C-alpha atoms as a PDB file:
ATOM      1  CA  MET A   1      94.505 122.796 110.626  1.00  0.00           C
ATOM      2  CA  LEU A   2      94.325 120.222 113.303  1.00  0.00           C
ATOM      3  CA  LEU A   3      93.945 117.417 110.762  1.00  0.00           C
ATOM      4  CA  ARG A   4      97.119 118.608 108.904  1.00  0.00           C
ATOM      5  CA  ILE A   5      99.066 118.850 112.105  1.00  0.00           C
ATOM      6  CA  GLY A   6      97.880 115.432 113.275  1.00  0.00           C
ATOM      7  CA  ILE A   7      98.796 113.656 110.061  1.00  0.00           C
ATOM      8  CA  ALA A   8     102.144 115.477 110.038  1.00  0.00           C
ATOM      9  CA  ILE A   9     102.929 114.439 113.713  1.00  0.00           C
ATOM     10  CA  TYR A  10     101.825 110.857 112.886  1.00  0.00           C
ATOM     11  CA  MET A  11     104.097 110.541 109.832  1.00  0.00           C
ATOM     12  CA  TRP A  12     107.049 112.207 111.619  1.00  0.00           C
ATOM     13  CA  SER A  13     106.614 109.818 114.605  1.00  0.00           C
ATOM     14  CA  VAL A  14     106.640 106.867 112.158  1.00  0.00           C
ATOM     15  CA  VAL A  15     110.127 108.093 111.070  1.00  0.00           C
ATOM     16  CA  LEU A  16     111.349 108.502 114.574  1.00  0.00           C
ATOM     17  CA  LEU A  17     109.977 105.350 116.103  1.00  0.00           C
ATOM     18  CA  SER A  18     110.047 102.855 113.225  1.00  0.00           C
ATOM     19  CA  PHE A  19     113.198 103.222 111.277  1.00  0.00           C
ATOM     20  CA  LYS A  20     116.779 102.481 112.216  1.00  0.00           C
ATOM     21  CA  PHE A  21     119.219 105.073 111.070  1.00  0.00           C
ATOM     22  CA  ASP A  22     121.303 102.826 108.830  1.00  0.00           C
ATOM     23  CA  LYS A  23     123.612 104.668 106.420  1.00  0.00           C
ATOM     24  CA  GLU A  24     123.975 101.703 104.043  1.00  0.00           C
ATOM     25  CA  ASN A  25     120.347 101.377 103.006  1.00  0.00           C
ATOM     26  CA  LEU A  26     119.571 103.985 100.313  1.00  0.00           C
ATOM     27  CA  TRP A  27     115.885 102.966  99.910  1.00  0.00           C
ATOM     28  CA  MET A  28     115.311 103.424 103.620  1.00  0.00           C
ATOM     29  CA  ALA A  29     116.881 106.855 103.524  1.00  0.00           C
ATOM     30  CA  LEU A  30     114.634 107.838 100.575  1.00  0.00           C
ATOM     31  CA  LEU A  31     111.564 106.604 102.427  1.00  0.00           C
ATOM     32  CA  MET A  32     112.530 108.549 105.523  1.00  0.00           C
ATOM     33  CA  ALA A  33     113.061 111.685 103.443  1.00  0.00           C
ATOM     34  CA  TYR A  34     109.656 111.085 101.855  1.00  0.00           C
ATOM     35  CA  LEU A  35     107.991 110.824 105.254  1.00  0.00           C
ATOM     36  CA  VAL A  36     109.668 113.995 106.453  1.00  0.00           C
ATOM     37  CA  VAL A  37     108.972 116.161 103.399  1.00  0.00           C
ATOM     38  CA  ILE A  38     105.357 115.138 102.539  1.00  0.00           C
ATOM     39  CA  PRO A  39     103.878 116.288 105.891  1.00  0.00           C
ATOM     40  CA  GLY A  40     105.735 119.549 105.535  1.00  0.00           C
ATOM     41  CA  LEU A  41     104.324 120.155 102.102  1.00  0.00           C
ATOM     42  CA  SER A  42     100.846 119.437 103.525  1.00  0.00           C
ATOM     43  CA  LEU A  43     101.365 122.037 106.261  1.00  0.00           C
ATOM     44  CA  LEU A  44     102.353 124.692 103.592  1.00  0.00           C
ATOM     45  CA  HIS A  45      98.714 124.581 102.376  1.00  0.00           C
ATOM     46  CA  TYR A  46      97.999 128.045 103.828  1.00  0.00           C
ATOM     47  CA  ARG A  47     100.779 129.644 101.875  1.00  0.00           C
ATOM     48  CA  ASN A  48     100.205 127.810  98.559  1.00  0.00           C
ATOM     49  CA  ALA A  49      97.154 125.542  97.908  1.00  0.00           C
ATOM     50  CA  LYS A  50      99.047 123.517  95.219  1.00  0.00           C
ATOM     51  CA  THR A  51     101.741 122.576  97.725  1.00  0.00           C
ATOM     52  CA  GLY A  52      99.062 121.423 100.166  1.00  0.00           C
ATOM     53  CA  MET A  53      97.478 119.277  97.447  1.00  0.00           C
ATOM     54  CA  ILE A  54     100.847 117.698  96.671  1.00  0.00           C
ATOM     55  CA  GLY A  55     101.222 116.955 100.400  1.00  0.00           C
ATOM     56  CA  GLY A  56      97.745 115.564 100.561  1.00  0.00           C
ATOM     57  CA  ILE A  57      98.249 113.238  97.650  1.00  0.00           C
ATOM     58  CA  GLY A  58     101.588 112.103  99.065  1.00  0.00           C
ATOM     59  CA  SER A  59     100.172 111.227 102.396  1.00  0.00           C
ATOM     60  CA  LEU A  60      97.240 109.419 100.668  1.00  0.00           C
ATOM     61  CA  LEU A  61      99.746 107.342  98.756  1.00  0.00           C
ATOM     62  CA  PHE A  62     101.728 106.543 101.891  1.00  0.00           C
ATOM     63  CA  PHE A  63      98.663 105.430 103.810  1.00  0.00           C
ATOM     64  CA  LEU A  64      97.462 103.371 100.903  1.00  0.00           C
ATOM     65  CA  ALA A  65     100.755 101.630 100.612  1.00  0.00           C
ATOM     66  CA  SER A  66     100.936 101.157 104.354  1.00  0.00           C
ATOM     67  CA  ALA A  67      97.426  99.492 104.360  1.00  0.00           C
ATOM     68  CA  ILE A  68      98.483  97.125 101.497  1.00  0.00           C
ATOM     69  CA  VAL A  69     101.770  96.141 103.235  1.00  0.00           C
ATOM     70  CA  LEU A  70      99.870  95.454 106.479  1.00  0.00           C
ATOM     71  CA  VAL A  71      97.289  93.284 104.699  1.00  0.00           C
ATOM     72  CA  VAL A  72      99.972  91.287 102.947  1.00  0.00           C
ATOM     73  CA  THR A  73     102.119  90.809 106.048  1.00  0.00           C
ATOM     74  CA  ASP A  74      99.125  89.825 108.235  1.00  0.00           C
ATOM     75  CA  LEU A  75      97.794  87.392 105.646  1.00  0.00           C
ATOM     76  CA  SER A  76     101.228  85.800 105.257  1.00  0.00           C
ATOM     77  CA  ALA A  77     101.412  85.440 109.051  1.00  0.00           C
ATOM     78  CA  ASN A  78      97.906  83.829 109.249  1.00  0.00           C
ATOM     79  CA  VAL A  79      96.531  86.498 111.589  1.00  0.00           C
ATOM     80  CA  ALA A  80      92.863  86.383 112.445  1.00  0.00           C
ATOM     81  CA  TRP A  81      90.556  88.615 110.471  1.00  0.00           C
ATOM     82  CA  PRO A  82      89.435  90.807 113.366  1.00  0.00           C
ATOM     83  CA  LEU A  83      93.090  91.725 114.045  1.00  0.00           C
ATOM     84  CA  ILE A  84      93.683  92.384 110.358  1.00  0.00           C
ATOM     85  CA  TYR A  85      90.695  94.766 110.478  1.00  0.00           C
ATOM     86  CA  LEU A  86      92.082  96.538 113.531  1.00  0.00           C
ATOM     87  CA  HIS A  87      95.436  96.982 111.830  1.00  0.00           C
ATOM     88  CA  ILE A  88      93.877  98.302 108.605  1.00  0.00           C
ATOM     89  CA  ILE A  89      91.217 100.643 110.027  1.00  0.00           C
ATOM     90  CA  LYS A  90      93.714 103.254 111.127  1.00  0.00           C
ATOM     91  CA  ASP A  91      95.188 103.517 107.682  1.00  0.00           C
ATOM     92  CA  VAL A  92      91.701 103.627 106.055  1.00  0.00           C
ATOM     93  CA  LEU A  93      90.695 106.470 108.393  1.00  0.00           C
ATOM     94  CA  LEU A  94      93.966 108.352 107.609  1.00  0.00           C
ATOM     95  CA  ILE A  95      93.222 107.853 103.883  1.00  0.00           C
ATOM     96  CA  PHE A  96      89.819 109.577 104.334  1.00  0.00           C
ATOM     97  CA  GLY A  97      91.671 112.383 106.293  1.00  0.00           C
ATOM     98  CA  SER A  98      94.008 112.800 103.359  1.00  0.00           C
ATOM     99  CA  LEU A  99      91.201 112.914 100.961  1.00  0.00           C
ATOM    100  CA  ILE A 100      89.661 115.681 103.077  1.00  0.00           C
ATOM    101  CA  LEU A 101      92.964 117.651 102.903  1.00  0.00           C
ATOM    102  CA  ILE A 102      93.095 117.245  99.146  1.00  0.00           C
ATOM    103  CA  GLY A 103      89.541 118.528  98.866  1.00  0.00           C
ATOM    104  CA  GLU A 104      90.327 121.571 100.917  1.00  0.00           C
ATOM    105  CA  SER A 105      93.331 122.360  98.839  1.00  0.00           C
ATOM    106  CA  LEU A 106      91.323 121.914  95.663  1.00  0.00           C
ATOM    107  CA  LYS A 107      88.571 124.111  96.977  1.00  0.00           C
ATOM    108  CA  GLU A 108      91.131 126.813  97.854  1.00  0.00           C
ATOM    109  CA  MET A 109      92.680 126.610  94.375  1.00  0.00           C
ATOM    110  CA  VAL A 110      89.274 126.991  92.806  1.00  0.00           C
ATOM    111  CA  ARG A 111      88.398 129.911  95.063  1.00  0.00           C
ATOM    112  CA  ASP A 112      91.671 131.674  94.207  1.00  0.00           C
ATOM    113  CA  ARG A 113      90.985 131.119  90.451  1.00  0.00           C
ATOM    114  CA  ILE A 114      87.467 132.475  90.760  1.00  0.00           C
ATOM    115  CA  THR A 115      88.315 135.582  92.753  1.00  0.00           C
ATOM    116  CA  ALA A 116      91.450 136.447  90.648  1.00  0.00           C
ATOM    117  CA  PRO A 117      91.287 139.559  88.486  1.00  0.00           C
ATOM    118  CA  PHE A 118      89.853 138.815  85.069  1.00  0.00           C
ATOM    119  CA  PRO A 119      92.693 139.702  82.664  1.00  0.00           C
ATOM    120  CA  LYS A 120      95.437 137.427  84.014  1.00  0.00           C
END
């Protein structure tokens, strides 16, 4: 539960601190909506495991894209390798956290399937 809340707070703080609220950029509005909805789906894991899995996969994709963007921008700016490593390690750890969330949701889906009554 703490991992889900932590990832949700991190993604929501990215929205609040990083993006300017510009009404003319449609892609920025779509990215902001993605960053608001996906953590909410991840938090709904305890009501529906499939929703939690969708949220986990969405957060994994976001952190993977964030790591790729950071590597590309740091390499184009000729940043030293230790600084690139420090920029990337956060996203790599959050990717592993997202994988843990996906695994928990998958485990819950399998448990529900096994304990369900036989004639479904």
